[in-house]
């Protein structure tokens, strides 16, 4: 997709974003901020970890978004007996007595990793490696994953028995950690009405794969002023306890702070947030808008924070003041 200028591309992206949200809203009632976060991740070449109790339409949301984006979609249900080959694929001996590689569900544009904390670390790492490298290596052969490539992993926060929580270093691979809450009373009324009346709304493709790749490239080139860069890096460094720029709350309530990847994602996310809001460059408000989603899974609370009921979100909000 060719545009005469980056400004023209940004204007086109704003219109596409509005159309995309309207298309998703045909199926998904409410959850505007969640959908917005998912779209920001896709345009930013990031991945998202979605945490929420069962029955909140996480799978339906991702499936609907993939349809509206015109992208290939696959869903992997993570279980304790899932093997890495079940994700990346395996070699078989075909009828000509030659080995042939059968691609696994990772070979899709949008991959839903359902309940990623239900499978052992060996299988988790197979997915996370593909997320990082955008390629799969098996039996000495490397297969490049098709772009755009977006992984949305879900976790159930209430069941901890028989689960394998992701280590902090692997959580860091996800650009955003988004918490999905219960719908409001009116939203739930609308959900029940829509899903029990036999209606089956059809989702139309609103944006092509080529357009997504073009928008991703435009976002990378968006200029960022030094004061916004400084604010993002300052925000990350304030989370690191017992360092020169540590915030008092970091010293009191955190064991570990966010690494440099947090600063990178704060800027990348701010760029995308600015663009879909109709701006040509991000400001500090755009950094603040994505800060909780970027930082909540990158800071490790200590015993004092847990004992006093101080959440990661509360700590981030304090740092933003």
Protein backbone atom coordinates (compact mmCIF):
# COMPACT_ATOMS: atom_id res chain seq x y z
CA UNK A 1 0.00 0.00 0.00
CA UNK A 2 1.59 3.27 -1.17
CA UNK A 3 0.81 6.67 0.34
CA UNK A 4 2.12 10.01 -0.91
CA UNK A 5 3.32 10.95 2.57
CA UNK A 6 3.41 9.65 6.15
CA UNK A 7 0.79 12.25 7.09
CA UNK A 8 -1.59 10.79 4.50
CA UNK A 9 -0.88 7.29 5.85
CA UNK A 10 -1.65 8.41 9.43
CA UNK A 11 -4.92 10.04 8.33
CA UNK A 12 -5.87 6.81 6.54
CA UNK A 13 -4.96 4.76 9.62
CA UNK A 14 -7.29 6.84 11.85
CA UNK A 15 -10.21 6.11 9.48
CA UNK A 16 -9.31 2.41 9.30
CA UNK A 17 -9.10 2.21 13.09
CA UNK A 18 -12.60 3.68 13.47
CA UNK A 19 -13.98 1.26 10.88
CA UNK A 20 -12.21 -1.65 12.59
CA UNK A 21 -13.67 -0.78 16.01
CA UNK A 22 -17.17 -0.48 14.51
CA UNK A 23 -16.81 -3.89 12.85
CA UNK A 24 -15.65 -5.59 16.06
CA UNK A 25 -18.50 -3.89 17.96
CA UNK A 26 -21.00 -5.83 15.80
CA UNK A 27 -20.03 -8.93 17.80
CA UNK A 28 -18.31 -7.69 20.97
CA UNK A 29 -20.41 -5.56 23.31
CA UNK A 30 -18.39 -2.94 25.22
CA UNK A 31 -14.72 -3.71 26.03
CA UNK A 32 -13.66 -0.69 23.92
CA UNK A 33 -10.41 -0.16 25.82
CA UNK A 34 -9.46 -3.85 25.49
CA UNK A 35 -10.07 -3.80 21.73
CA UNK A 36 -8.07 -0.57 21.51
CA UNK A 37 -5.14 -2.18 23.36
CA UNK A 38 -5.18 -5.20 21.04
CA UNK A 39 -5.15 -2.98 17.94
CA UNK A 40 -2.28 -0.90 19.38
CA UNK A 41 -0.28 -4.13 19.92
CA UNK A 42 -0.88 -5.30 16.36
CA UNK A 43 0.17 -1.99 14.80
CA UNK A 44 3.20 -1.87 17.13
CA UNK A 45 4.42 -5.40 16.19
CA UNK A 46 3.91 -6.43 19.82
CA UNK A 47 2.18 -9.30 21.60
CA UNK A 48 -0.46 -9.14 24.32
CA UNK A 49 -1.21 -11.11 27.50
CA UNK A 50 -4.91 -10.98 28.36
CA UNK A 51 -5.89 -11.87 31.92
CA UNK A 52 -9.53 -12.50 32.79
CA UNK A 53 -11.95 -15.01 34.28
CA UNK A 54 -13.72 -17.50 31.95
CA UNK A 55 -16.76 -16.44 29.95
CA UNK A 56 -15.71 -12.88 29.07
CA UNK A 57 -15.48 -13.58 25.30
CA UNK A 58 -11.67 -13.44 25.08
CA UNK A 59 -11.58 -16.07 22.33
CA UNK A 60 -14.48 -14.50 20.43
CA UNK A 61 -12.84 -11.07 20.64
CA UNK A 62 -9.58 -12.27 19.09
CA UNK A 63 -11.37 -14.33 16.42
CA UNK A 64 -13.57 -11.36 15.46
CA UNK A 65 -10.57 -9.02 15.31
CA UNK A 66 -8.67 -11.47 13.08
CA UNK A 67 -11.66 -11.64 10.69
CA UNK A 68 -11.97 -7.85 10.53
CA UNK A 69 -8.23 -7.61 9.82
CA UNK A 70 -8.42 -10.22 7.07
CA UNK A 71 -5.69 -12.29 8.74
CA UNK A 72 -5.26 -16.02 9.22
CA UNK A 73 -6.15 -17.15 12.73
CA UNK A 74 -5.39 -20.18 14.86
CA UNK A 75 -6.21 -21.11 18.44
CA UNK A 76 -4.03 -23.29 20.65
CA UNK A 77 -5.66 -24.67 23.79
CA UNK A 78 -2.81 -25.14 26.25
CA UNK A 79 -2.94 -28.27 28.39
CA UNK A 80 -0.39 -30.02 30.67
CA UNK A 81 0.33 -32.69 28.02
CA UNK A 82 0.88 -30.26 25.11
CA UNK A 83 4.28 -30.72 23.44
CA UNK A 84 6.39 -28.11 21.57
CA UNK A 85 5.80 -30.03 18.33
CA UNK A 86 2.04 -29.54 18.82
CA UNK A 87 2.68 -25.81 18.42
CA UNK A 88 5.49 -25.46 15.88
CA UNK A 89 4.82 -28.59 13.81
CA UNK A 90 6.52 -31.93 13.22
CA UNK A 91 8.24 -33.99 10.55
CA UNK A 92 6.44 -37.01 9.12
CA UNK A 93 7.52 -39.78 6.79
CA UNK A 94 5.28 -39.44 3.74
CA UNK A 95 4.25 -42.04 1.15
CA UNK A 96 7.44 -41.37 -0.88
CA UNK A 97 9.45 -42.36 2.22
CA UNK A 98 10.80 -38.80 2.58
CA UNK A 99 10.53 -36.59 5.62
CA UNK A 100 8.11 -33.70 5.23
CA UNK A 101 7.47 -30.88 7.70
CA UNK A 102 3.85 -30.36 8.70
CA UNK A 103 3.39 -26.83 9.99
CA UNK A 104 1.74 -26.35 13.38
CA UNK A 105 -0.81 -23.72 14.46
CA UNK A 106 1.96 -21.16 15.13
CA UNK A 107 2.00 -20.55 11.36
CA UNK A 108 -0.81 -17.98 11.34
CA UNK A 109 -0.98 -14.18 11.48
CA UNK A 110 -3.01 -14.12 14.70
CA UNK A 111 -2.39 -16.87 17.26
CA UNK A 112 -4.54 -17.23 20.36
CA UNK A 113 -2.61 -19.06 23.07
CA UNK A 114 -5.49 -19.99 25.36
CA UNK A 115 -4.58 -20.45 29.05
CA UNK A 116 -0.83 -20.33 28.45
CA UNK A 117 -0.20 -20.99 32.16
CA UNK A 118 -1.71 -24.49 31.89
CA UNK A 119 1.25 -25.96 30.01
CA UNK A 120 4.79 -26.75 31.26
CA UNK A 121 7.73 -24.36 30.66
CA UNK A 122 9.17 -26.46 27.79
CA UNK A 123 6.06 -25.88 25.68
CA UNK A 124 5.65 -22.26 26.81
CA UNK A 125 9.21 -21.51 25.70
CA UNK A 126 8.55 -22.94 22.21
CA UNK A 127 5.82 -20.35 21.72
CA UNK A 128 7.80 -17.53 23.32
CA UNK A 129 10.85 -18.25 21.14
CA UNK A 130 8.70 -18.01 18.01
CA UNK A 131 7.27 -14.72 19.32
CA UNK A 132 10.73 -13.26 19.78
CA UNK A 133 12.51 -14.61 16.70
CA UNK A 134 9.49 -14.55 14.30
CA UNK A 135 10.80 -17.89 13.03
CA UNK A 136 10.77 -21.60 13.88
CA UNK A 137 13.78 -23.93 13.70
CA UNK A 138 13.24 -27.69 13.59
CA UNK A 139 15.46 -30.54 12.36
CA UNK A 140 18.07 -28.02 11.19
CA UNK A 141 15.61 -26.06 9.02
CA UNK A 142 14.43 -22.52 9.75
CA UNK A 143 10.93 -21.43 8.76
CA UNK A 144 10.11 -17.71 8.78
CA UNK A 145 6.68 -16.85 10.18
CA UNK A 146 4.37 -14.81 8.00
CA UNK A 147 4.07 -11.09 8.84
CA UNK A 148 2.17 -9.55 10.52
CA UNK A 149 2.50 -11.99 13.44
CA UNK A 150 0.57 -11.36 16.63
CA UNK A 151 0.24 -13.63 19.68
CA UNK A 152 -2.49 -13.08 22.21
CA UNK A 153 -2.06 -15.29 25.26
CA UNK A 154 -4.78 -15.62 27.89
CA UNK A 155 -4.51 -16.48 31.57
CA UNK A 156 -7.17 -17.32 34.11
CA UNK A 157 -6.29 -15.44 37.34
CA UNK A 158 -8.49 -17.45 39.71
CA UNK A 159 -7.26 -21.02 39.17
CA UNK A 160 -3.73 -21.66 40.39
CA UNK A 161 -3.78 -25.44 40.92
CA UNK A 162 -2.11 -27.40 38.13
CA UNK A 163 -0.78 -24.27 36.46
CA UNK A 164 2.69 -23.14 35.45
CA UNK A 165 2.88 -19.33 35.87
CA UNK A 166 5.09 -17.57 33.33
CA UNK A 167 8.43 -16.40 34.82
CA UNK A 168 9.03 -12.63 34.86
CA UNK A 169 11.68 -12.88 32.12
CA UNK A 170 9.15 -14.51 29.79
CA UNK A 171 6.35 -12.12 30.74
CA UNK A 172 8.69 -9.40 29.48
CA UNK A 173 8.20 -10.71 25.92
CA UNK A 174 4.64 -9.37 25.95
CA UNK A 175 4.22 -5.71 25.06
CA UNK A 176 0.96 -5.33 27.01
CA UNK A 177 -0.63 -7.11 29.94
CA UNK A 178 -4.34 -6.28 29.78
CA UNK A 179 -6.88 -7.15 32.49
CA UNK A 180 -10.37 -7.96 31.28
CA UNK A 181 -13.10 -7.11 33.81
CA UNK A 182 -16.75 -8.07 34.07
CA UNK A 183 -19.12 -6.08 31.83
CA UNK A 184 -21.38 -3.42 33.30
CA UNK A 185 -25.02 -4.33 34.04
CA UNK A 186 -26.28 -2.67 30.84
CA UNK A 187 -23.51 -4.27 28.74
CA UNK A 188 -24.40 -7.70 30.13
CA UNK A 189 -28.07 -7.05 29.29
CA UNK A 190 -27.04 -6.25 25.71
CA UNK A 191 -24.78 -9.34 25.54
CA UNK A 192 -27.54 -11.68 26.71
CA UNK A 193 -30.05 -10.06 24.34
CA UNK A 194 -27.68 -10.36 21.34
CA UNK A 195 -26.53 -13.94 22.02
CA UNK A 196 -29.93 -15.49 22.78
CA UNK A 197 -31.94 -14.06 19.88
CA UNK A 198 -30.50 -16.12 17.01
CA UNK A 199 -28.74 -13.12 15.44
CA UNK A 200 -25.46 -13.89 13.68
CA UNK A 201 -23.75 -10.65 12.59
CA UNK A 202 -21.24 -11.02 9.77
CA UNK A 203 -17.86 -9.34 10.19
CA UNK A 204 -16.44 -7.68 7.08
CA UNK A 205 -12.73 -7.27 6.31
CA UNK A 206 -11.90 -3.59 6.88
CA UNK A 207 -8.14 -3.58 6.37
CA UNK A 208 -5.74 -5.70 4.31
CA UNK A 209 -2.52 -7.42 5.37
CA UNK A 210 -0.53 -5.04 3.14
CA UNK A 211 -2.12 -2.01 4.80
CA UNK A 212 -1.26 -3.33 8.27
CA UNK A 213 2.40 -3.79 7.26
CA UNK A 214 2.44 -0.28 5.75
CA UNK A 215 0.99 1.23 8.94
CA UNK A 216 3.52 -0.67 11.08
CA UNK A 217 6.35 0.87 9.02
CA UNK A 218 4.85 4.37 9.29
CA UNK A 219 4.57 4.05 13.09
CA UNK A 220 8.25 3.17 13.36
CA UNK A 221 9.20 6.41 11.56
CA UNK A 222 7.08 8.75 13.71
CA UNK A 223 9.35 11.30 15.44
CA UNK A 224 9.37 11.55 19.23
CA UNK A 225 10.54 14.65 21.09
CA UNK A 226 13.32 14.38 23.66
CA UNK A 227 11.06 15.37 26.57
CA UNK A 228 8.68 12.47 25.80
CA UNK A 229 11.61 10.05 25.49
CA UNK A 230 13.00 11.34 28.77
CA UNK A 231 9.63 10.95 30.49
CA UNK A 232 9.29 7.31 29.34
CA UNK A 233 12.82 6.35 30.43
CA UNK A 234 12.37 8.20 33.74
CA UNK A 235 9.16 6.29 34.36
CA UNK A 236 10.94 2.96 33.86
CA UNK A 237 13.93 3.89 36.00
CA UNK A 238 11.65 5.04 38.85
CA UNK A 239 10.41 1.44 39.19
CA UNK A 240 13.89 0.09 40.03
CA UNK A 241 14.33 -0.13 43.81
CA UNK A 242 17.55 0.97 45.49
CA UNK A 243 18.80 2.85 42.43
CA UNK A 244 19.59 6.55 42.03
CA UNK A 245 16.22 7.53 40.51
CA UNK A 246 14.04 5.03 42.38
CA UNK A 247 10.65 6.27 43.55
CA UNK A 248 9.85 5.92 47.26
CA UNK A 249 7.09 3.43 46.45
CA UNK A 250 9.54 1.33 44.42
CA UNK A 251 11.90 1.14 47.40
CA UNK A 252 9.02 0.30 49.74
CA UNK A 253 6.97 -2.13 47.68
CA UNK A 254 9.07 -3.64 44.87
CA UNK A 255 11.71 -6.37 44.66
CA UNK A 256 12.45 -5.73 40.99
CA UNK A 257 11.66 -2.95 38.56
CA UNK A 258 11.10 -2.78 34.80
CA UNK A 259 13.98 -3.26 32.37
CA UNK A 260 14.89 -1.25 29.24
CA UNK A 261 12.29 -3.13 27.18
CA UNK A 262 9.63 -1.29 29.18
CA UNK A 263 11.03 2.07 28.01
CA UNK A 264 10.99 0.85 24.41
CA UNK A 265 7.39 -0.36 24.62
CA UNK A 266 6.26 2.85 26.37
CA UNK A 267 7.46 4.82 23.34
CA UNK A 268 6.20 2.33 20.74
CA UNK A 269 2.82 2.12 22.46
CA UNK A 270 2.64 5.92 22.83
CA UNK A 271 3.26 6.31 19.09
CA UNK A 272 0.40 3.97 18.22
CA UNK A 273 -1.91 5.54 20.81
CA UNK A 274 -1.16 9.02 19.44
CA UNK A 275 -1.79 7.99 15.83
CA UNK A 276 -5.15 6.31 16.41
CA UNK A 277 -6.11 9.43 18.39
CA UNK A 278 -5.41 11.54 15.30
CA UNK A 279 -2.04 13.01 16.38
CA UNK A 280 1.16 13.01 14.33
CA UNK A 281 3.56 12.66 17.26
CA UNK A 282 3.13 11.28 20.80
CA UNK A 283 3.12 13.44 23.91
CA UNK A 284 3.44 12.60 27.61
CA UNK A 285 -0.31 11.87 27.87
CA UNK A 286 0.11 9.07 25.31
CA UNK A 287 2.90 7.52 27.41
CA UNK A 288 0.65 7.70 30.48
CA UNK A 289 -2.20 6.07 28.53
CA UNK A 290 -0.19 2.88 27.91
CA UNK A 291 1.91 2.89 31.12
CA UNK A 292 -0.20 0.50 33.22
CA UNK A 293 -0.46 -2.10 30.42
CA UNK A 294 3.30 -1.91 29.77
CA UNK A 295 4.50 -1.91 33.39
CA UNK A 296 2.08 -4.05 35.42
CA UNK A 297 3.75 -7.36 34.45
CA UNK A 298 7.30 -5.97 34.57
CA UNK A 299 7.41 -4.97 38.24
CA UNK A 300 7.71 -7.57 41.00
CA UNK A 301 6.00 -6.67 44.27
CA UNK A 302 7.57 -7.59 47.60
CA UNK A 303 5.95 -9.19 50.64
CA UNK A 304 5.07 -5.81 52.16
CA UNK A 305 3.07 -4.79 49.07
CA UNK A 306 1.16 -8.09 49.08
CA UNK A 307 0.49 -7.89 52.82
CA UNK A 308 -0.86 -4.35 52.52
CA UNK A 309 -2.88 -5.16 49.40
CA UNK A 310 -0.93 -2.72 47.20
CA UNK A 311 -1.49 -3.82 43.59
CA UNK A 312 0.92 -3.34 40.69
CA UNK A 313 -1.62 -0.97 39.10
CA UNK A 314 -1.71 1.16 42.27
CA UNK A 315 2.08 1.39 42.26
CA UNK A 316 2.18 2.46 38.59
CA UNK A 317 -0.53 5.06 39.22
CA UNK A 318 1.56 6.49 42.07
CA UNK A 319 4.62 6.69 39.81
CA UNK A 320 2.57 8.58 37.20
CA UNK A 321 1.60 11.35 39.63
